[in-house]
Protein backbone atom coordinates (compact mmCIF):
# COMPACT_ATOMS: atom_id res chain seq x y z
CA MET A 1 -329.78 -134.14 -100.93
CA THR A 2 -327.78 -132.19 -98.45
CA ILE A 3 -324.94 -133.31 -96.27
CA ASN A 4 -327.05 -132.49 -93.21
CA LEU A 5 -329.42 -135.33 -94.06
CA ILE A 6 -326.53 -137.79 -94.25
CA PHE A 7 -325.27 -136.62 -90.84
CA LYS A 8 -328.76 -136.94 -89.34
CA ILE A 9 -329.12 -140.47 -90.71
CA ALA A 10 -325.67 -141.41 -89.31
CA ALA A 11 -326.55 -139.90 -85.86
CA VAL A 12 -329.80 -141.87 -85.75
CA GLY A 13 -327.94 -145.03 -86.70
CA ILE A 14 -325.37 -144.54 -83.96
CA LEU A 15 -327.99 -143.73 -81.33
CA VAL A 16 -330.19 -146.68 -82.31
CA SER A 17 -327.29 -149.09 -82.25
CA VAL A 18 -326.17 -147.97 -78.80
CA LEU A 19 -329.71 -148.08 -77.47
CA ASN A 20 -330.18 -151.50 -79.05
CA GLN A 21 -327.07 -152.90 -77.36
CA VAL A 22 -328.03 -151.45 -73.98
CA LEU A 23 -331.53 -152.87 -74.19
CA LYS A 24 -330.35 -156.32 -75.33
CA HIS A 25 -327.84 -156.58 -72.49
CA SER A 26 -330.52 -155.69 -69.97
CA GLY A 27 -332.79 -158.44 -71.30
CA ARG A 28 -335.30 -156.28 -73.13
CA GLU A 29 -335.06 -157.68 -76.64
CA ASP A 30 -338.60 -156.63 -77.54
CA GLN A 31 -337.92 -153.00 -76.73
CA ALA A 32 -334.61 -153.18 -78.56
CA PHE A 33 -336.46 -154.39 -81.68
CA LEU A 34 -339.02 -151.58 -81.34
CA ALA A 35 -336.25 -148.97 -81.00
CA SER A 36 -334.61 -150.28 -84.16
CA LEU A 37 -337.91 -150.25 -85.99
CA ALA A 38 -338.62 -146.68 -84.83
CA GLY A 39 -335.22 -145.55 -86.10
CA LEU A 40 -335.82 -147.20 -89.44
CA ILE A 41 -339.22 -145.59 -89.86
CA LEU A 42 -337.82 -142.18 -88.89
CA VAL A 43 -335.10 -142.38 -91.51
CA LEU A 44 -337.54 -143.65 -94.14
CA PHE A 45 -339.79 -140.63 -93.53
CA TRP A 46 -336.78 -138.35 -93.98
CA ILE A 47 -335.72 -139.89 -97.36
CA LEU A 48 -339.24 -140.51 -98.72
CA PRO A 49 -339.38 -137.13 -100.55
CA TYR A 50 -336.06 -137.90 -102.25
CA ILE A 51 -337.31 -141.32 -103.38
CA ALA A 52 -340.45 -139.75 -104.80
CA GLU A 53 -338.32 -137.16 -106.64
CA LEU A 54 -336.15 -139.98 -108.03
CA PHE A 55 -339.18 -141.83 -109.40
CA GLN A 56 -340.58 -138.62 -110.89
CA THR A 57 -337.25 -137.94 -112.61
CA ILE A 58 -337.08 -141.47 -113.97
CA GLN A 59 -340.65 -141.21 -115.24
CA ASN A 60 -339.89 -137.90 -116.98
CA LEU A 61 -336.72 -139.35 -118.47
CA PHE A 62 -338.45 -142.29 -120.12
CA SER A 63 -341.49 -140.33 -121.34
CA LEU A 64 -339.53 -138.26 -123.83
């Protein structure tokens, strides 16, 4: 895992939170929820390979 991934996740979190607040104050709660959901899905796609690698490492560790 590189530090760039952590910075990208932090940037998405900041952008989604600002967008969420703007949309909620303008009365668009549904769109705010969808923006939060889109940010979550984006970050999950970024970290999915690392999670798969973690499970593979754990599987290899216990199948000695």
